[in-house]
């Protein structure tokens, strides 16, 4: 039987969770705060807990069909006895009946235990305000989207992330050009000279993140980067209380190709920044060698916001540490058409003015 960890207030018995403002555990009922270190004994005590052995003979006639329960997990809430049903990757959630936050301890056993966690710094209110601010200044955003759009759900989630550290020796060959223009008689000439530009160097990379959850698209997680890893702390389950969390379902080995892409692209950009004085430049070949590579497992805080408009769902993600937000917005096709026509008209007027000037000359 899985062990569910619930943090109870010693003063009033209410369920307590991690408070991002004070960075401590706080009871929402009596406002008592507790330092995380004082609750470390909770985690240690879990290793000695013995599950109840209470077995009942089932008399139910209906049974699940083959495959229907694949990926589902069922737990019992210690506070109210309600059943908590989740998928195989859920590591922290809340009871749907009494609302108490719970941490599913078996999801952090052995190799599943994260090395680091970045605690939430921003609360749910900040996520809502950030989304509303995101709407401002978007000229092609339908006006009714702002007026009629409603936030269906705001959920704080700890996303599993693999962190890759490595030293690299990189070498890149760039194809570059220089242009020379001149006029002779009635003709304009352009001379293009081609160059092979070589750059090499040693670059250290620390904590290159790769999302370890299939539920979270890589492009969204990378859009709300960066995170400040200097504020990361050693993992304790207490940080998860009051939030949702998933364990990884994309392991470190599966994440290596994306890590390689990110490191190689960053190395190319770093060496490209040293090339100056050319009209154009592109990468012809690049070679990267890794040394002292290692991988760590961490949990990053993310606020997920779901909205509905015109029958369509729009999802946004906000960095729970910095407040950086990303997500797709709808486009008012009518406004977009007007802007296009207006831009085309301006271009036509400008072209006509140039032709008239040339005729006068």
Protein backbone atom coordinates (compact mmCIF):
# COMPACT_ATOMS: atom_id res chain seq x y z
CA UNK A 1 0.00 0.00 0.00
CA UNK A 2 1.31 3.40 -0.92
CA UNK A 3 2.15 5.87 1.84
CA UNK A 4 0.43 9.25 1.58
CA UNK A 5 2.15 12.05 3.47
CA UNK A 6 -0.10 14.73 4.93
CA UNK A 7 1.34 17.56 7.03
CA UNK A 8 -0.92 18.39 9.99
CA UNK A 9 -0.78 21.50 12.17
CA UNK A 10 0.23 20.52 15.75
CA UNK A 11 -1.85 23.43 17.05
CA UNK A 12 -5.25 22.90 15.41
CA UNK A 13 -4.90 19.72 13.38
CA UNK A 14 -5.58 21.44 10.06
CA UNK A 15 -3.75 20.54 6.88
CA UNK A 16 -0.69 22.71 6.29
CA UNK A 17 1.15 23.47 3.07
CA UNK A 18 4.21 25.30 1.79
CA UNK A 19 3.77 29.09 1.78
CA UNK A 20 5.70 30.76 -1.05
CA UNK A 21 5.65 34.20 0.62
CA UNK A 22 7.27 33.17 3.91
CA UNK A 23 9.10 30.12 2.49
CA UNK A 24 7.82 28.16 5.49
CA UNK A 25 5.01 25.72 6.18
CA UNK A 26 1.84 27.57 7.21
CA UNK A 27 -1.52 26.54 8.57
CA UNK A 28 -4.35 28.35 6.71
CA UNK A 29 -6.69 27.88 9.67
CA UNK A 30 -4.75 29.25 12.65
CA UNK A 31 -1.95 31.05 10.72
CA UNK A 32 0.78 29.19 12.63
CA UNK A 33 4.06 28.90 10.72
CA UNK A 34 6.67 26.15 10.95
CA UNK A 35 10.21 26.06 9.65
CA UNK A 36 10.91 23.30 7.17
CA UNK A 37 13.74 21.92 9.24
CA UNK A 38 11.34 21.28 12.12
CA UNK A 39 9.27 19.04 9.86
CA UNK A 40 12.16 16.99 8.50
CA UNK A 41 11.33 14.32 11.07
CA UNK A 42 8.12 13.66 9.16
CA UNK A 43 10.10 12.31 6.21
CA UNK A 44 12.31 10.18 8.47
CA UNK A 45 9.32 8.73 10.28
CA UNK A 46 7.80 7.51 7.03
CA UNK A 47 10.46 4.83 6.76
CA UNK A 48 9.17 3.19 9.94
CA UNK A 49 5.46 3.49 9.14
CA UNK A 50 3.65 0.19 8.72
CA UNK A 51 0.58 0.07 6.49
CA UNK A 52 -2.70 -1.32 7.84
CA UNK A 53 -3.54 -4.88 6.87
CA UNK A 54 -7.32 -4.78 6.40
CA UNK A 55 -8.53 -7.03 3.60
CA UNK A 56 -12.15 -7.38 2.52
CA UNK A 57 -13.58 -9.95 0.21
CA UNK A 58 -15.01 -8.20 -2.82
CA UNK A 59 -18.66 -8.90 -3.64
CA UNK A 60 -18.86 -6.49 -6.58
CA UNK A 61 -20.00 -8.13 -9.79
CA UNK A 62 -18.82 -5.44 -12.23
CA UNK A 63 -15.19 -5.63 -13.24
CA UNK A 64 -12.92 -3.41 -15.27
CA UNK A 65 -12.23 -4.49 -18.81
CA UNK A 66 -8.67 -5.37 -19.75
CA UNK A 67 -6.56 -2.22 -20.10
CA UNK A 68 -9.13 0.16 -18.57
CA UNK A 69 -7.13 0.68 -15.38
CA UNK A 70 -3.73 0.92 -17.03
CA UNK A 71 -1.94 4.01 -15.73
CA UNK A 72 -4.40 4.62 -12.85
CA UNK A 73 -3.53 4.62 -9.16
CA UNK A 74 -5.92 4.67 -6.20
CA UNK A 75 -5.15 5.92 -2.67
CA UNK A 76 -7.10 6.58 0.51
CA UNK A 77 -7.04 10.02 2.15
CA UNK A 78 -5.93 9.79 5.77
CA UNK A 79 -8.02 12.80 6.76
CA UNK A 80 -11.47 11.89 5.46
CA UNK A 81 -11.12 8.37 4.05
CA UNK A 82 -12.00 9.50 0.54
CA UNK A 83 -10.55 7.77 -2.49
CA UNK A 84 -7.90 9.64 -4.46
CA UNK A 85 -7.52 8.45 -8.04
CA UNK A 86 -4.55 9.66 -10.07
CA UNK A 87 -2.34 8.62 -12.94
CA UNK A 88 0.93 6.74 -12.59
CA UNK A 89 3.09 9.89 -12.58
CA UNK A 90 1.23 11.98 -9.97
CA UNK A 91 3.46 12.65 -6.97
CA UNK A 92 1.59 15.40 -5.11
CA UNK A 93 -2.09 16.29 -5.32
CA UNK A 94 -5.10 17.14 -3.13
CA UNK A 95 -8.02 15.09 -1.87
CA UNK A 96 -11.10 15.85 -4.03
CA UNK A 97 -13.37 15.54 -0.97
CA UNK A 98 -11.69 17.46 1.86
CA UNK A 99 -9.09 19.39 -0.16
CA UNK A 100 -6.16 18.33 2.02
CA UNK A 101 -2.82 18.32 0.17
CA UNK A 102 -1.11 14.92 0.01
CA UNK A 103 2.29 13.69 -1.17
CA UNK A 104 2.54 10.16 -2.58
CA UNK A 105 5.79 9.02 -1.02
CA UNK A 106 6.44 5.99 -3.22
CA UNK A 107 6.91 8.34 -6.18
CA UNK A 108 10.12 9.60 -4.55
CA UNK A 109 11.64 6.29 -3.48
CA UNK A 110 15.18 5.35 -4.48
CA UNK A 111 16.26 6.78 -7.83
CA UNK A 112 12.99 8.70 -8.08
CA UNK A 113 14.03 11.11 -5.32
CA UNK A 114 14.95 14.53 -6.77
CA UNK A 115 18.30 16.07 -5.90
CA UNK A 116 16.98 19.63 -5.85
CA UNK A 117 13.77 21.62 -5.76
CA UNK A 118 13.20 25.30 -6.55
CA UNK A 119 10.39 26.42 -4.20
CA UNK A 120 7.52 28.53 -5.46
CA UNK A 121 8.19 32.25 -4.99
CA UNK A 122 4.97 33.58 -6.54
CA UNK A 123 1.41 32.81 -5.49
CA UNK A 124 -1.73 32.06 -7.49
CA UNK A 125 -2.80 35.72 -7.46
CA UNK A 126 0.41 36.71 -9.24
CA UNK A 127 -0.26 34.12 -11.94
CA UNK A 128 -3.72 35.55 -12.64
CA UNK A 129 -2.40 39.12 -12.72
CA UNK A 130 0.43 38.11 -15.06
CA UNK A 131 -2.02 36.55 -17.51
CA UNK A 132 -4.20 39.67 -17.59
CA UNK A 133 -1.11 41.81 -18.13
CA UNK A 134 -0.10 39.47 -20.97
CA UNK A 135 -3.23 40.51 -22.87
CA UNK A 136 -2.27 44.20 -22.87
CA UNK A 137 -0.67 45.68 -25.98
CA UNK A 138 -1.77 42.81 -28.23
CA UNK A 139 -3.37 44.76 -31.09
CA UNK A 140 -4.60 41.68 -32.97
CA UNK A 141 -6.14 40.05 -29.89
CA UNK A 142 -9.94 39.85 -30.22
CA UNK A 143 -11.59 42.33 -27.86
CA UNK A 144 -14.18 39.78 -26.83
CA UNK A 145 -11.39 37.44 -25.73
CA UNK A 146 -10.41 39.94 -23.05
CA UNK A 147 -14.01 40.58 -22.03
CA UNK A 148 -15.48 37.08 -22.22
CA UNK A 149 -12.46 34.91 -21.54
CA UNK A 150 -12.56 33.23 -18.15
CA UNK A 151 -9.77 31.49 -16.30
CA UNK A 152 -11.02 27.94 -15.76
CA UNK A 153 -8.15 26.64 -13.67
CA UNK A 154 -4.94 27.87 -12.05
CA UNK A 155 -2.73 25.09 -10.78
CA UNK A 156 0.72 25.17 -9.20
CA UNK A 157 2.77 22.22 -10.43
CA UNK A 158 6.30 21.03 -9.75
CA UNK A 159 7.60 19.82 -13.12
CA UNK A 160 10.36 17.16 -13.20
CA UNK A 161 13.49 18.42 -14.94
CA UNK A 162 16.83 16.79 -15.77
CA UNK A 163 19.85 19.08 -15.31
CA UNK A 164 22.92 18.37 -17.44
CA UNK A 165 26.40 19.61 -16.44
CA UNK A 166 29.38 19.24 -18.77
CA UNK A 167 32.64 20.77 -19.95
CA UNK A 168 32.90 21.01 -23.73
CA UNK A 169 35.60 21.43 -26.34
CA UNK A 170 33.88 22.91 -29.40
CA UNK A 171 35.08 23.77 -32.90
CA UNK A 172 32.95 25.40 -35.59
CA UNK A 173 33.61 26.27 -39.24
CA UNK A 174 31.54 29.17 -40.52
CA UNK A 175 30.86 30.10 -44.15
CA UNK A 176 31.06 33.90 -44.33
CA UNK A 177 30.87 36.53 -47.06
CA UNK A 178 32.02 40.10 -47.67
CA UNK A 179 30.42 42.36 -50.26
CA UNK A 180 31.92 45.17 -52.32
CA UNK A 181 29.71 47.51 -54.38
CA UNK A 182 30.72 50.00 -57.08
CA UNK A 183 29.34 51.74 -60.12
CA UNK A 184 31.00 52.01 -63.52
CA UNK A 185 29.22 53.88 -66.27
CA UNK A 186 25.59 52.79 -66.38
CA UNK A 187 26.16 49.60 -64.40
CA UNK A 188 26.17 48.75 -60.69
CA UNK A 189 28.47 45.92 -59.62
CA UNK A 190 28.60 43.70 -56.55
CA UNK A 191 31.56 41.49 -55.71
CA UNK A 192 31.04 38.65 -53.22
CA UNK A 193 34.04 37.15 -51.45
CA UNK A 194 33.68 33.88 -49.56
CA UNK A 195 35.59 32.93 -46.40
CA UNK A 196 35.96 29.88 -44.17
CA UNK A 197 36.10 31.17 -40.59
CA UNK A 198 37.29 28.76 -37.90
CA UNK A 199 36.59 29.13 -34.20
CA UNK A 200 37.26 26.76 -31.30
CA UNK A 201 37.22 26.94 -27.54
CA UNK A 202 36.35 25.31 -24.23
CA UNK A 203 32.98 26.12 -22.65
CA UNK A 204 31.48 24.91 -19.39
CA UNK A 205 27.74 24.28 -19.13
CA UNK A 206 25.93 23.94 -15.82
CA UNK A 207 22.34 22.84 -15.23
CA UNK A 208 21.14 22.70 -18.85
CA UNK A 209 17.46 21.83 -18.24
CA UNK A 210 15.42 19.24 -20.12
CA UNK A 211 11.77 18.70 -19.23
CA UNK A 212 11.16 15.18 -17.89
CA UNK A 213 7.37 15.16 -18.28
CA UNK A 214 5.44 14.11 -21.36
CA UNK A 215 2.52 16.28 -20.19
CA UNK A 216 4.57 19.49 -20.41
CA UNK A 217 5.62 20.48 -23.96
CA UNK A 218 9.34 21.28 -24.20
CA UNK A 219 8.69 24.52 -26.06
CA UNK A 220 6.53 25.87 -23.21
CA UNK A 221 9.04 24.97 -20.48
CA UNK A 222 11.88 26.50 -22.47
CA UNK A 223 9.83 29.64 -23.15
CA UNK A 224 9.53 30.44 -19.43
CA UNK A 225 13.24 29.93 -18.73
CA UNK A 226 15.55 30.83 -17.12
CA UNK A 227 15.29 29.64 -13.54
CA UNK A 228 17.74 30.79 -10.88
CA UNK A 229 19.31 27.57 -9.64
CA UNK A 230 21.15 29.42 -6.86
CA UNK A 231 17.80 29.47 -5.03
CA UNK A 232 17.38 25.69 -5.29
CA UNK A 233 17.39 23.67 -2.06
CA UNK A 234 17.84 20.03 -1.16
CA UNK A 235 14.64 18.13 -1.83
CA UNK A 236 12.09 17.71 0.95
CA UNK A 237 8.54 16.53 0.42
CA UNK A 238 7.29 19.40 2.60
CA UNK A 239 7.86 21.83 -0.30
CA UNK A 240 5.25 19.93 -2.33
CA UNK A 241 2.43 20.27 0.21
CA UNK A 242 -0.33 22.42 -1.27
CA UNK A 243 0.86 21.99 -4.88
CA UNK A 244 0.69 19.35 -7.55
CA UNK A 245 3.74 17.41 -8.68
CA UNK A 246 4.63 14.73 -11.17
CA UNK A 247 7.48 12.27 -11.19
CA UNK A 248 9.35 11.99 -14.48
CA UNK A 249 8.02 9.76 -17.25
CA UNK A 250 10.86 10.74 -19.60
CA UNK A 251 14.04 9.39 -18.02
CA UNK A 252 17.55 10.85 -18.17
CA UNK A 253 18.61 8.56 -21.00
CA UNK A 254 15.66 9.65 -23.15
CA UNK A 255 16.47 13.30 -22.41
CA UNK A 256 20.07 13.14 -23.65
CA UNK A 257 19.29 13.97 -27.34
CA UNK A 258 17.55 17.21 -26.35
CA UNK A 259 20.37 18.10 -23.94
CA UNK A 260 22.89 17.51 -26.72
CA UNK A 261 20.93 19.79 -29.06
CA UNK A 262 20.79 22.59 -26.49
CA UNK A 263 24.48 22.36 -25.58
CA UNK A 264 25.63 22.21 -29.20
CA UNK A 265 23.41 25.13 -30.25
CA UNK A 266 24.64 27.23 -27.30
CA UNK A 267 28.27 26.42 -28.13
CA UNK A 268 27.73 27.48 -31.74
CA UNK A 269 26.11 30.75 -30.63
CA UNK A 270 28.95 31.49 -28.21
CA UNK A 271 31.61 30.98 -30.89
CA UNK A 272 29.56 32.86 -33.51
CA UNK A 273 29.53 35.91 -31.23
CA UNK A 274 33.30 36.19 -31.73
CA UNK A 275 33.01 36.54 -35.53
CA UNK A 276 32.73 40.13 -36.79
CA UNK A 277 33.10 42.12 -40.00
CA UNK A 278 31.21 39.89 -42.44
CA UNK A 279 28.03 40.54 -44.39
CA UNK A 280 26.62 37.05 -43.87
CA UNK A 281 27.60 34.02 -41.83
CA UNK A 282 26.29 30.46 -41.47
CA UNK A 283 27.50 27.27 -39.80
CA UNK A 284 29.10 24.77 -42.17
CA UNK A 285 30.19 22.20 -39.57
CA UNK A 286 30.39 21.91 -35.81
CA UNK A 287 31.99 19.39 -33.49
CA UNK A 288 31.52 19.17 -29.72
CA UNK A 289 33.21 16.84 -27.22
CA UNK A 290 31.94 16.39 -23.67
CA UNK A 291 34.00 15.88 -20.52
CA UNK A 292 32.93 15.38 -16.90
CA UNK A 293 29.27 15.10 -17.86
CA UNK A 294 26.74 14.42 -15.11
CA UNK A 295 22.97 14.54 -14.68
CA UNK A 296 20.86 15.71 -11.74
CA UNK A 297 17.12 15.46 -11.08
CA UNK A 298 15.18 18.55 -9.98
CA UNK A 299 11.64 19.91 -9.62
CA UNK A 300 10.82 23.34 -11.11
CA UNK A 301 7.77 25.43 -10.04
CA UNK A 302 5.24 26.25 -12.77
CA UNK A 303 1.81 27.87 -12.62
CA UNK A 304 -0.50 26.40 -15.28
CA UNK A 305 -3.52 28.47 -16.38
CA UNK A 306 -6.33 27.12 -18.56
CA UNK A 307 -8.86 29.41 -20.24
CA UNK A 308 -11.79 28.85 -22.58
CA UNK A 309 -13.07 31.15 -25.34
CA UNK A 310 -15.38 30.39 -28.26
CA UNK A 311 -15.31 26.72 -27.35
CA UNK A 312 -11.52 26.52 -27.60
CA UNK A 313 -9.05 25.98 -24.78
CA UNK A 314 -5.96 28.13 -24.35
CA UNK A 315 -3.16 27.10 -22.03
CA UNK A 316 -0.52 29.30 -20.43
CA UNK A 317 2.44 28.58 -18.19
CA UNK A 318 4.16 30.94 -15.76
CA UNK A 319 7.55 30.52 -14.14
CA UNK A 320 6.71 30.11 -10.43
CA UNK A 321 9.99 31.74 -9.46
CA UNK A 322 10.37 34.73 -11.83
CA UNK A 323 6.85 35.31 -13.20
CA UNK A 324 7.80 34.90 -16.87
CA UNK A 325 4.70 33.77 -18.80
CA UNK A 326 4.20 32.02 -22.14
CA UNK A 327 1.20 30.79 -24.12
CA UNK A 328 -0.72 31.10 -27.38
CA UNK A 329 -3.33 33.78 -28.01
CA UNK A 330 -6.06 33.92 -30.68
CA UNK A 331 -5.84 36.42 -33.57
CA UNK A 332 -8.72 38.60 -34.75
CA UNK A 333 -8.73 37.78 -38.47
CA UNK A 334 -10.71 40.89 -39.32
CA UNK A 335 -8.20 43.17 -37.60
CA UNK A 336 -5.30 41.27 -39.14
CA UNK A 337 -6.81 41.79 -42.61
CA UNK A 338 -7.22 45.53 -41.98
CA UNK A 339 -3.60 45.87 -40.80
CA UNK A 340 -2.39 43.99 -43.87
CA UNK A 341 -4.40 46.19 -46.25
CA UNK A 342 -3.20 49.33 -44.47
CA UNK A 343 0.44 48.18 -44.63
CA UNK A 344 0.07 47.33 -48.33
CA UNK A 345 -1.45 50.77 -49.01
CA UNK A 346 1.45 52.52 -47.27
CA UNK A 347 3.93 50.47 -49.27
CA UNK A 348 2.13 51.34 -52.53
CA UNK A 349 2.14 55.08 -51.72
CA UNK A 350 5.84 54.93 -50.87
CA UNK A 351 6.64 53.10 -54.13
CA UNK A 352 4.62 55.65 -56.15
CA UNK A 353 6.46 58.54 -54.45
CA UNK A 354 9.83 57.00 -55.31
CA UNK A 355 8.81 56.52 -58.96
CA UNK A 356 7.63 60.14 -59.17
CA UNK A 357 10.90 61.37 -57.67
CA UNK A 358 12.92 59.33 -60.18
CA UNK A 359 10.79 60.71 -63.06
CA UNK A 360 11.46 64.27 -61.85
CA UNK A 361 15.17 63.61 -61.66
